[in-house]
Amino acid sequence: VFSFDSHHLCATSDGSGCAMAYGPNRKYVGLTWNEILELEGALTIQGALLHQNLIDASNSGTGVFEYPYSGTNKRAWVASFKNNSESYYVVSDYLTAESNPACLAFTDKNNDDFYDDDMDVVVGCPSDMSCTEEDQSFCELIPGHLASITDHPAFIAVLVLLLFSIPLATYLVWRQKKKGREKLRQQMTEMQKKMEAMKNIDSDLVDVNKVVEEAKKRRASLIAKRAALQETPPTWSDSLETLVTVSPEDEEYWSVLDKMRLSIPNVYISKLWRVQNSSLWSYYSFHKDRLEMNNIPSNERRVWHGTSGLDPVHIYNDQMDGFMMQ
C-alpha cells in the first residue's frame, strides 16, 4: 500500500510515494519506491515514474498493467482508495502465473530496457484478443479465434500437478491418521499400566489399613486387660467419668491446696477436678513398673502443669501421651 503523495511515515520525500505496508517485507514500510528499488537492485527503473504509472493505472479503472523489468515484462494489479481525504493505491505482488495479457501495458520505444520517460501506454492485447468492456483488466479472445484450453501449456502443467498432488495428499492424510492411531494406542497402553499400578497400590493400602485397625483394636484390648489388673490410686472414686469433681469435704482437696501453697503462699482453689483416665494411668504404670523391674529408680514426683490456651480436654481425654506431649 503506497500513498499518492509524500507521507510523514517516510523520512524521504522524493516524489516516488511512501510505502504504508509491504507484504512480508515489513522492513520496506516507511520507504519510497526509489529506496525500495535500490535495495532490490532494480537500478534500471525510475521509482518516481513507476509510482506515477501505478497512480495512473489505479485511477484508470483497468487495474492491471504490464511494464518492462530487467529484460522481461512484469504484470501487476493495482487499485486506488481514499482515507481521510488522502489517496492511496494497493498494488499486488507481481503476477507470475500465465494468464491473458493485460489491457493496459507499457512499451519501451528505445528498447533500452530502462524504465524512463520513453515508455508509451498502449492497449496490450494481441491480434486475436480485445478489450471491449469498460473497466476490463485482461484481454479476451475474439469470437472465431477460440482455442482449446486443453492445448494451453498452463492447463497441462496444472493437470500434471493435480495428478501428482492428489495421490500425495491422500498418502499424507493416511500417514497422519496412522500416526494418530499409533499415538492413541500408546497413550491407552500407558493409561492402562497406570490404572493397574494404582489398583495394586489401592489394594495394598486397604491391606495396610486393615493391619492398622487390627493393631489399634489389639492395643486397646491389651490396655483394657492391663487396666483391669492394674491397681488404681486409692483416691479414685467409682465414677465412670474421666473428670471427677473434688469437693472441699474431701481430704484430697486440702492436700492439693497445701502442696500448691508451698509454691504460691496466697493461692486458693476455685474448683478442683480429679482426672480418672484408666488408659493413661495404665500406660504410666507400665513404664514405671519397667523401671523398677530393671532396678532403676522411678524418681516419681508431683509437679504442676499449665495448659496455656490449650483446652485441657485434649490432655485428660488422651489415651497414651497425656501431659507428655501436650
Protein backbone atom coordinates (compact mmCIF):
# COMPACT_ATOMS: atom_id res chain seq x y z
CA VAL A 1 0.00 0.00 0.00
CA PHE A 2 1.51 3.34 -1.11
CA SER A 3 0.39 6.91 -0.61
CA PHE A 4 -0.12 9.07 -3.69
CA ASP A 5 1.82 11.94 -2.13
CA SER A 6 4.62 12.16 0.42
CA HIS A 7 3.72 10.96 3.91
CA HIS A 8 5.10 11.65 7.38
CA LEU A 9 5.76 7.91 7.75
CA CYS A 10 8.61 8.23 5.22
CA ALA A 11 11.69 10.20 6.16
CA THR A 12 12.42 10.89 2.48
CA SER A 13 10.21 12.85 0.09
CA ASP A 14 11.49 12.18 -3.46
CA GLY A 15 8.23 12.05 -5.42
CA SER A 16 8.09 8.25 -5.51
CA GLY A 17 5.35 7.72 -2.90
CA CYS A 18 5.59 6.19 0.56
CA ALA A 19 5.09 2.53 1.50
CA MET A 20 2.42 2.18 4.19
CA ALA A 21 2.50 -1.64 4.08
CA TYR A 22 4.65 -4.06 2.09
CA GLY A 23 3.53 -7.69 2.40
CA PRO A 24 6.05 -9.93 4.21
CA ASN A 25 8.91 -7.38 3.83
CA ARG A 26 7.96 -5.14 6.70
CA LYS A 27 11.40 -3.54 6.57
CA TYR A 28 10.22 -1.66 3.45
CA VAL A 29 7.44 0.15 5.33
CA GLY A 30 8.29 3.83 5.54
CA LEU A 31 10.46 3.78 2.37
CA THR A 32 9.83 5.33 -1.05
CA TRP A 33 9.87 3.42 -4.36
CA ASN A 34 13.37 4.78 -5.12
CA GLU A 35 14.68 3.42 -1.81
CA ILE A 36 12.96 0.04 -2.26
CA LEU A 37 14.21 -0.41 -5.86
CA GLU A 38 17.73 0.46 -4.73
CA LEU A 39 17.56 -2.22 -2.04
CA GLU A 40 16.18 -4.70 -4.60
CA GLY A 41 18.97 -3.87 -7.04
CA ALA A 42 16.49 -2.79 -9.76
CA LEU A 43 18.57 0.17 -10.95
CA THR A 44 17.01 0.34 -14.46
CA ILE A 45 13.68 1.55 -13.08
CA GLN A 46 12.89 5.11 -12.09
CA GLY A 47 10.91 4.99 -8.85
CA ALA A 48 9.10 8.27 -9.44
CA LEU A 49 7.96 7.18 -12.93
CA LEU A 50 6.85 3.75 -11.67
CA HIS A 51 4.94 5.46 -8.86
CA GLN A 52 3.19 7.83 -11.31
CA ASN A 53 2.26 4.97 -13.67
CA LEU A 54 0.83 2.99 -10.73
CA ILE A 55 -1.28 6.04 -9.82
CA ASP A 56 -2.45 6.38 -13.43
CA ALA A 57 -3.27 2.67 -13.66
CA SER A 58 -5.19 2.71 -10.36
CA ASN A 59 -7.17 5.78 -11.47
CA SER A 60 -7.86 4.40 -14.96
CA GLY A 61 -10.06 1.63 -13.63
CA THR A 62 -8.28 -1.11 -15.62
CA GLY A 63 -6.46 -2.38 -12.52
CA VAL A 64 -3.85 -4.48 -14.36
CA PHE A 65 -0.86 -3.26 -16.39
CA GLU A 66 2.49 -4.55 -17.65
CA TYR A 67 5.89 -2.89 -17.79
CA PRO A 68 9.49 -3.89 -18.68
CA TYR A 69 11.67 -5.04 -15.82
CA SER A 70 15.30 -6.20 -16.23
CA GLY A 71 14.86 -7.80 -19.67
CA THR A 72 11.35 -9.14 -19.09
CA ASN A 73 7.81 -7.90 -18.62
CA LYS A 74 6.12 -7.84 -15.23
CA ARG A 75 2.43 -7.73 -14.55
CA ALA A 76 0.75 -6.12 -11.53
CA TRP A 77 -2.76 -5.45 -10.26
CA VAL A 78 -3.44 -2.05 -8.71
CA ALA A 79 -6.45 -0.23 -7.25
CA SER A 80 -6.86 3.14 -5.52
CA PHE A 81 -8.78 4.20 -2.43
CA LYS A 82 -9.10 7.20 -0.12
CA ASN A 83 -8.89 7.52 3.65
CA ASN A 84 -9.38 10.83 5.48
CA SER A 85 -9.13 12.73 2.18
CA GLU A 86 -5.72 11.16 1.43
CA SER A 87 -5.29 8.96 -1.65
CA TYR A 88 -3.58 5.56 -1.66
CA TYR A 89 -3.17 2.67 -4.06
CA VAL A 90 -2.83 -1.04 -3.43
CA VAL A 91 -0.52 -2.97 -5.74
CA SER A 92 -0.35 -6.77 -5.64
CA ASP A 93 2.80 -8.86 -5.67
CA TYR A 94 3.81 -9.24 -9.28
CA LEU A 95 1.76 -11.90 -11.04
CA THR A 96 3.85 -14.83 -12.17
CA ALA A 97 1.16 -17.27 -13.34
CA GLU A 98 0.47 -17.41 -17.09
CA SER A 99 -2.78 -15.66 -17.96
CA ASN A 100 -4.29 -13.46 -20.64
CA PRO A 101 -2.38 -10.22 -21.39
CA ALA A 102 -3.38 -7.09 -19.54
CA CYS A 103 -5.43 -4.47 -21.33
CA LEU A 104 -3.03 -1.77 -20.13
CA ALA A 105 0.66 -2.19 -20.93
CA PHE A 106 3.82 -0.13 -21.34
CA THR A 107 6.26 -0.40 -24.26
CA ASP A 108 9.86 0.68 -24.46
CA LYS A 109 10.23 2.84 -27.59
CA ASN A 110 14.02 2.93 -27.45
CA ASN A 111 14.41 -0.73 -26.49
CA ASP A 112 16.98 0.33 -23.91
CA ASP A 113 15.49 -1.85 -21.13
CA PHE A 114 15.35 1.26 -18.96
CA TYR A 115 12.13 2.31 -17.28
CA ASP A 116 12.12 6.01 -18.09
CA ASP A 117 10.24 8.73 -19.99
CA ASP A 118 10.37 6.90 -23.35
CA MET A 119 7.64 4.49 -22.14
CA ASP A 120 4.30 4.51 -24.03
CA VAL A 121 0.98 3.31 -22.61
CA VAL A 122 -0.75 1.07 -25.16
CA VAL A 123 -3.53 -1.49 -25.29
CA GLY A 124 -1.65 -4.68 -24.66
CA CYS A 125 -3.92 -7.18 -26.46
CA PRO A 126 -2.61 -9.34 -29.31
CA SER A 127 -4.46 -9.52 -32.65
CA ASP A 128 -6.73 -12.41 -31.62
CA MET A 129 -7.82 -10.68 -28.36
CA SER A 130 -9.55 -7.44 -27.42
CA CYS A 131 -10.58 -5.20 -24.52
CA THR A 132 -14.12 -4.17 -25.29
CA GLU A 133 -15.76 -3.91 -21.86
CA GLU A 134 -15.42 -0.90 -19.59
CA ASP A 135 -13.02 -1.44 -16.63
CA GLN A 136 -11.85 -4.69 -18.25
CA SER A 137 -8.46 -5.85 -16.83
CA PHE A 138 -7.40 -8.72 -19.10
CA CYS A 139 -7.71 -9.28 -22.85
CA GLU A 140 -10.28 -11.79 -24.05
CA LEU A 141 -10.30 -13.94 -27.19
CA ILE A 142 -12.24 -12.56 -30.15
CA PRO A 143 -15.06 -14.91 -31.25
CA GLY A 144 -13.77 -17.15 -34.04
CA HIS A 145 -10.28 -17.32 -32.52
CA LEU A 146 -11.17 -19.54 -29.54
CA ALA A 147 -8.54 -22.12 -28.73
CA SER A 148 -8.96 -25.27 -26.72
CA ILE A 149 -7.96 -24.76 -23.10
CA THR A 150 -6.57 -28.28 -23.06
CA ASP A 151 -3.90 -27.17 -25.53
CA HIS A 152 -2.69 -24.42 -23.24
CA PRO A 153 0.67 -25.19 -21.55
CA ALA A 154 -0.58 -23.83 -18.25
CA PHE A 155 -3.56 -26.21 -18.30
CA ILE A 156 -1.28 -29.19 -18.93
CA ALA A 157 1.05 -28.08 -16.11
CA VAL A 158 -1.88 -27.69 -13.70
CA LEU A 159 -3.30 -31.07 -14.73
CA VAL A 160 0.05 -32.81 -14.14
CA LEU A 161 0.36 -31.06 -10.78
CA LEU A 162 -3.13 -32.19 -9.77
CA LEU A 163 -2.48 -35.79 -10.86
CA PHE A 164 0.64 -35.81 -8.70
CA SER A 165 -0.82 -33.89 -5.77
CA ILE A 166 -3.97 -35.96 -5.22
CA PRO A 167 -2.18 -39.29 -4.54
CA LEU A 168 0.45 -37.47 -2.46
CA ALA A 169 -2.20 -35.71 -0.39
CA THR A 170 -4.09 -38.99 0.06
CA TYR A 171 -0.90 -40.71 1.25
CA LEU A 172 -0.06 -37.87 3.65
CA VAL A 173 -3.56 -37.93 5.14
CA TRP A 174 -3.40 -41.71 5.56
CA ARG A 175 0.04 -41.49 7.15
CA GLN A 176 -1.09 -38.76 9.53
CA LYS A 177 -4.12 -40.82 10.59
CA LYS A 178 -1.90 -43.88 11.08
CA LYS A 179 0.45 -41.89 13.31
CA GLY A 180 -2.53 -40.56 15.23
CA ARG A 181 -3.88 -44.10 15.79
CA GLU A 182 -0.46 -45.34 16.93
CA LYS A 183 -0.08 -42.42 19.32
CA LEU A 184 -3.58 -43.01 20.72
CA ARG A 185 -2.81 -46.72 21.15
CA GLN A 186 0.39 -45.88 23.06
CA GLN A 187 -1.48 -43.43 25.27
CA MET A 188 -4.16 -46.03 26.02
CA THR A 189 -1.49 -48.63 26.87
CA GLU A 190 0.28 -46.21 29.23
CA MET A 191 -3.05 -45.30 30.83
CA GLN A 192 -3.88 -48.98 31.39
CA LYS A 193 -0.48 -49.54 33.02
CA LYS A 194 -1.01 -46.57 35.34
CA MET A 195 -4.53 -47.72 36.23
CA GLU A 196 -3.25 -51.23 37.02
CA ALA A 197 -0.43 -49.82 39.17
CA MET A 198 -2.85 -47.56 41.07
CA LYS A 199 -5.22 -50.51 41.55
CA ASN A 200 -2.40 -52.54 43.11
CA ILE A 201 -1.43 -49.63 45.37
CA ASP A 202 -5.04 -49.16 46.48
CA SER A 203 -5.24 -52.86 47.28
CA ASP A 204 -2.06 -52.64 49.37
CA LEU A 205 -3.40 -49.57 51.16
CA VAL A 206 -6.58 -51.46 52.06
CA ASP A 207 -4.45 -54.28 53.48
CA VAL A 208 -2.30 -51.83 55.45
CA ASN A 209 -5.40 -50.09 56.81
CA LYS A 210 -6.76 -53.44 57.93
CA VAL A 211 -3.48 -54.20 59.71
CA VAL A 212 -3.53 -50.79 61.38
CA GLU A 213 -7.12 -51.21 62.51
CA GLU A 214 -6.36 -54.66 63.90
CA ALA A 215 -3.31 -53.26 65.72
CA LYS A 216 -5.41 -50.46 67.22
CA LYS A 217 -8.02 -52.95 68.40
CA ARG A 218 -5.35 -55.22 69.91
CA ARG A 219 -3.68 -52.26 71.63
CA ALA A 220 -6.98 -51.14 73.12
CA SER A 221 -7.69 -54.70 74.28
CA LEU A 222 -4.29 -55.03 75.93
CA ILE A 223 -4.65 -51.67 77.65
CA ALA A 224 -8.07 -52.68 78.92
CA LYS A 225 -6.72 -56.01 80.24
CA ARG A 226 -3.83 -54.32 81.96
CA ALA A 227 -6.11 -51.65 83.40
CA ALA A 228 -8.28 -54.41 84.86
CA LEU A 229 -5.23 -55.88 86.60
CA GLN A 230 -3.63 -52.54 87.42
CA GLU A 231 -4.36 -51.07 90.81
CA THR A 232 -5.78 -47.57 90.66
CA PRO A 233 -4.88 -44.77 93.08
CA PRO A 234 -6.72 -45.06 96.40
CA THR A 235 -8.23 -41.59 95.99
CA TRP A 236 -10.16 -42.57 92.84
CA SER A 237 -13.91 -42.98 93.11
CA ASP A 238 -16.16 -45.48 91.34
CA SER A 239 -17.29 -42.83 88.86
CA LEU A 240 -17.08 -43.75 85.17
CA GLU A 241 -16.43 -40.13 84.23
CA THR A 242 -12.91 -39.11 83.24
CA LEU A 243 -13.21 -35.81 85.11
CA VAL A 244 -14.47 -36.12 88.71
CA THR A 245 -15.19 -33.09 90.91
CA VAL A 246 -13.25 -32.94 94.22
CA SER A 247 -15.18 -31.01 96.89
CA PRO A 248 -13.76 -29.19 99.95
CA GLU A 249 -15.22 -32.02 102.08
CA ASP A 250 -12.65 -34.41 100.55
CA GLU A 251 -9.25 -34.73 102.21
CA GLU A 252 -7.64 -34.73 98.75
CA TYR A 253 -8.88 -31.16 98.20
CA TRP A 254 -6.88 -29.80 101.15
CA SER A 255 -3.88 -31.94 100.30
CA VAL A 256 -3.70 -30.35 96.84
CA LEU A 257 -4.16 -26.85 98.33
CA ASP A 258 -1.32 -27.41 100.84
CA LYS A 259 1.02 -28.54 98.07
CA MET A 260 0.13 -25.50 95.95
CA ARG A 261 0.79 -23.09 98.85
CA LEU A 262 4.31 -24.43 99.15
CA SER A 263 4.94 -22.66 95.85
CA ILE A 264 2.32 -19.89 95.97
CA PRO A 265 1.51 -18.99 99.60
CA ASN A 266 -1.64 -16.94 98.98
CA VAL A 267 -3.21 -19.20 96.36
CA TYR A 268 -6.74 -20.54 96.71
CA ILE A 269 -8.73 -23.12 94.74
CA SER A 270 -11.90 -22.04 92.96
CA LYS A 271 -12.70 -25.54 91.68
CA LEU A 272 -10.85 -28.86 91.62
CA TRP A 273 -11.28 -31.96 89.45
CA ARG A 274 -9.54 -35.31 89.54
CA VAL A 275 -8.60 -36.99 86.26
CA GLN A 276 -9.55 -40.68 86.31
CA ASN A 277 -8.22 -41.83 82.91
CA SER A 278 -7.62 -45.59 83.15
CA SER A 279 -5.72 -45.77 79.86
CA LEU A 280 -3.29 -43.03 80.83
CA TRP A 281 -2.83 -44.49 84.30
CA SER A 282 -2.17 -47.96 82.88
CA TYR A 283 0.32 -46.59 80.36
CA TYR A 284 2.10 -44.59 83.05
CA SER A 285 2.17 -47.56 85.46
CA PHE A 286 3.53 -49.88 82.76
CA HIS A 287 6.61 -47.73 82.21
CA LYS A 288 7.05 -47.11 85.92
CA ASP A 289 6.99 -50.88 86.60
CA ARG A 290 9.52 -51.49 83.80
CA LEU A 291 12.00 -49.17 85.51
CA GLU A 292 11.55 -50.85 88.88
CA MET A 293 11.94 -54.35 87.35
CA ASN A 294 15.29 -53.23 85.97
CA ASN A 295 16.34 -51.80 89.35
CA ILE A 296 16.07 -48.24 88.07
CA PRO A 297 14.51 -45.73 90.46
CA SER A 298 11.33 -44.27 89.04
CA ASN A 299 12.10 -40.91 90.71
CA GLU A 300 8.39 -40.11 90.72
CA ARG A 301 7.48 -36.52 91.59
CA ARG A 302 4.34 -34.42 91.78
CA VAL A 303 4.63 -31.30 89.66
CA TRP A 304 2.32 -28.57 88.34
CA HIS A 305 1.48 -28.34 84.65
CA GLY A 306 -0.08 -25.33 82.94
CA THR A 307 -2.22 -25.70 79.84
CA SER A 308 -1.80 -22.21 78.31
CA GLY A 309 -4.54 -21.67 75.70
CA LEU A 310 -4.98 -25.40 75.04
CA ASP A 311 -8.30 -26.86 76.11
CA PRO A 312 -7.46 -29.33 78.95
CA VAL A 313 -9.90 -31.83 77.41
CA HIS A 314 -7.17 -32.70 74.87
CA ILE A 315 -4.93 -33.71 77.76
CA TYR A 316 -7.15 -35.60 80.19
CA ASN A 317 -9.01 -37.48 77.44
CA ASP A 318 -5.81 -38.64 75.70
CA GLN A 319 -5.29 -42.41 75.57
CA MET A 320 -1.49 -42.55 75.71
CA ASP A 321 0.57 -39.38 75.96
CA GLY A 322 -1.45 -37.06 78.18
CA PHE A 323 0.83 -34.38 79.66
CA MET A 324 3.84 -35.96 77.95
CA MET A 325 3.04 -34.50 74.52
CA GLN A 326 0.83 -31.53 75.44
